Protein backbone atom coordinates (compact mmCIF):
# COMPACT_ATOMS: atom_id res chain seq x y z
CA MET A 1 97.48 102.29 14.38
CA ALA A 2 99.87 105.02 13.47
CA ARG A 3 102.96 105.31 15.54
CA TRP A 4 103.57 108.96 15.13
CA TRP A 5 105.10 109.14 18.58
CA LEU A 6 108.07 107.28 17.17
CA LEU A 7 108.77 110.21 14.97
CA LEU A 8 109.14 112.72 17.78
CA PRO A 9 112.98 113.12 17.56
CA LEU A 10 112.60 113.99 13.97
CA VAL A 11 109.70 116.32 14.91
CA PHE A 12 111.94 118.20 17.48
CA PHE A 13 114.65 118.48 14.63
CA LEU A 14 112.37 119.75 11.97
CA PHE A 15 110.11 121.85 14.15
CA PRO A 16 112.19 123.50 16.87
CA SER A 17 108.97 125.11 18.29
CA CYS A 18 108.23 121.71 19.71
CA LEU A 19 110.11 121.52 22.94
CA PRO A 20 110.64 119.07 25.72
CA ALA A 21 108.39 119.54 28.58
CA GLN A 22 111.15 120.60 30.99
CA GLU A 23 112.03 123.53 28.76
CA VAL A 24 108.52 124.90 28.86
CA GLU A 25 107.87 124.55 32.73
CA GLY A 26 106.14 127.62 33.91
CA ARG A 27 105.36 129.21 30.44
CA GLU A 28 101.73 130.32 29.99
CA ILE A 29 99.47 127.86 28.21
CA ALA A 30 97.88 129.51 25.29
CA ASP A 31 95.68 126.60 24.03
CA ILE A 32 94.97 122.91 24.52
CA ARG A 33 94.12 120.79 21.69
CA VAL A 34 92.95 117.20 21.70
CA GLU A 35 93.63 114.83 18.71
CA GLY A 36 92.62 111.34 18.12
CA ASN A 37 89.22 111.49 19.46
CA LYS A 38 86.27 110.51 17.33
CA GLU A 39 83.64 109.34 19.82
CA VAL A 40 84.68 110.96 23.21
CA PRO A 41 83.95 114.67 22.92
CA THR A 42 86.91 117.06 23.35
CA GLU A 43 84.96 118.88 25.94
CA SER A 44 84.78 115.81 28.14
CA ILE A 45 88.39 115.20 27.91
CA LEU A 46 89.26 118.88 28.72
CA LEU A 47 86.87 118.71 31.70
CA VAL A 48 88.97 116.00 33.50
CA MET A 49 92.25 118.01 33.00
CA ASP A 50 93.22 120.38 35.71
CA THR A 51 95.50 122.14 33.16
CA LYS A 52 93.73 125.16 31.55
CA PRO A 53 94.63 127.84 29.06
CA GLY A 54 96.17 130.88 30.80
CA MET A 55 97.76 128.69 33.48
CA PRO A 56 101.50 128.19 33.68
CA PHE A 57 102.70 124.92 32.29
CA SER A 58 103.36 122.26 34.94
CA LEU A 59 104.80 118.83 34.03
CA ALA A 60 103.59 117.27 37.23
CA ARG A 61 100.08 118.54 36.72
CA LEU A 62 100.22 117.32 33.02
CA ARG A 63 101.15 113.85 34.08
CA LYS A 64 98.08 113.73 36.49
CA ASP A 65 96.00 115.02 33.54
CA LEU A 66 97.12 112.36 31.22
CA GLN A 67 96.27 109.79 33.90
CA ALA A 68 92.93 111.35 34.48
CA ILE A 69 92.19 111.04 30.75
CA TYR A 70 93.21 107.40 30.62
CA ASP A 71 91.09 106.66 33.79
CA MET A 72 88.06 107.76 31.91
CA GLY A 73 88.05 104.24 30.61
CA PHE A 74 87.46 105.13 26.86
CA PHE A 75 91.13 104.86 25.89
CA ALA A 76 93.40 101.88 24.86
CA ARG A 77 96.51 103.30 26.27
CA GLU A 78 97.67 106.46 28.09
CA PRO A 79 97.51 109.63 26.04
CA VAL A 80 100.63 111.59 25.08
CA ALA A 81 101.08 115.27 25.15
CA LEU A 82 103.41 117.59 22.98
CA PRO A 83 103.89 121.08 24.18
CA MET A 84 104.62 123.50 21.27
CA LEU A 85 106.15 126.98 21.62
CA THR A 86 104.28 129.97 19.99
CA PRO A 87 106.25 132.85 18.48
CA GLU A 88 105.12 134.77 21.64
CA GLY A 89 106.84 132.36 23.93
CA ARG A 90 103.47 130.76 25.13
CA ILE A 91 102.58 127.08 24.93
CA ILE A 92 100.13 125.14 22.69
CA LEU A 93 99.63 121.77 24.43
CA VAL A 94 98.52 119.09 21.95
CA VAL A 95 97.02 115.92 23.60
CA GLN A 96 96.92 112.78 21.55
CA VAL A 97 94.38 110.16 22.66
CA PHE A 98 93.97 106.53 21.57
CA GLU A 99 90.22 105.52 21.72
CA ASN A 100 88.95 102.12 22.31
CA PRO A 101 86.83 100.68 19.55
CA VAL A 102 83.10 101.11 19.29
CA VAL A 103 81.24 97.98 20.38
CA LYS A 104 79.82 96.23 17.22
CA ASP A 105 77.86 93.46 18.98
CA ILE A 106 77.59 91.61 22.20
CA THR A 107 77.54 87.83 22.12
CA PHE A 108 77.65 85.09 24.86
CA GLU A 109 79.09 81.64 24.64
CA GLY A 110 78.24 78.78 26.86
CA ASN A 111 75.24 80.32 28.46
CA THR A 112 72.48 77.67 28.39
CA ALA A 113 70.59 78.65 31.66
CA ILE A 114 69.98 82.32 31.01
CA PRO A 115 69.10 83.70 27.52
CA ALA A 116 71.44 86.21 26.11
CA ALA A 117 68.72 88.85 25.90
CA LYS A 118 68.31 88.69 29.68
CA LEU A 119 72.04 89.14 30.22
CA LYS A 120 72.15 92.04 27.78
CA GLU A 121 69.41 93.70 30.04
CA VAL A 122 71.83 93.65 32.91
CA MET A 123 74.72 95.28 30.92
CA GLN A 124 75.34 99.09 30.39
CA THR A 125 77.77 98.41 27.55
CA GLN A 126 75.79 98.79 24.41
CA PRO A 127 76.51 98.05 20.66
CA GLY A 128 77.12 101.37 18.71
CA LYS A 129 78.95 102.99 21.81
CA ILE A 130 82.57 103.28 22.51
CA LEU A 131 83.88 100.56 24.75
CA ASN A 132 84.49 101.81 28.24
CA ILE A 133 86.66 99.25 30.14
CA HIS A 134 85.40 100.37 33.59
CA THR A 135 81.77 99.81 32.40
CA LEU A 136 82.59 96.49 30.93
CA ARG A 137 84.10 95.24 34.20
CA ARG A 138 80.99 96.44 36.16
CA ASP A 139 79.04 94.57 33.49
CA LEU A 140 80.90 91.32 34.14
CA GLN A 141 80.26 91.80 37.85
CA ARG A 142 76.51 92.32 37.21
CA ILE A 143 76.24 89.33 35.13
CA GLN A 144 77.92 87.20 37.81
CA ASP A 145 75.61 88.69 40.40
CA PHE A 146 72.63 87.88 38.24
CA TYR A 147 73.62 84.31 37.80
CA ILE A 148 74.08 84.04 41.57
CA ALA A 149 70.67 85.81 42.18
CA ASN A 150 69.16 83.11 39.92
CA GLY A 151 70.61 80.24 41.79
CA TYR A 152 73.59 79.34 39.58
C-alpha cells in the first residue's frame, strides 16, 4: 500500500497551496474530492460527511467527518484529508480513503455439525463484495446464534 502521507512535509514544501488545517479554518470550501475508493461510491462517502461545498472549513467538523467515514465499516484505517488552497483563497478538500479488500471466498474450518452452505445462508457478507467489518461482526453473532438455536 502506498504511504503517500509520509510525503506530506515534502508536498507542503513543493506545493505551498497545500496548507495545514489550522491555516484554512473558516475559509469557504469550494469542492470535496475523494480518492482511493474503488468499491465504495464517492456519493456514499460524501453523504456521511457534514462538511459540504460552500460551507466554511471547520477542523472539528472534519474530524467528525473522517470518523463517520471510517465508521461506515468499509475502510481498513481512518481516512486522511488534505485541504488545498485555490488561487481565489477557497479550499479544495481531498479525502484519501483506504478500502478493505473485496471478499474472494468464505470458508469454514472445524464445522462438522452444520454444513458450510447453511452457515453461508445466515451471513450477509458475500464473495465479490467489499468487506464491511460491522457486517462481518454481525455475521459471526448470527452464526453463533444459529449454532445455539440448533442445540450446539
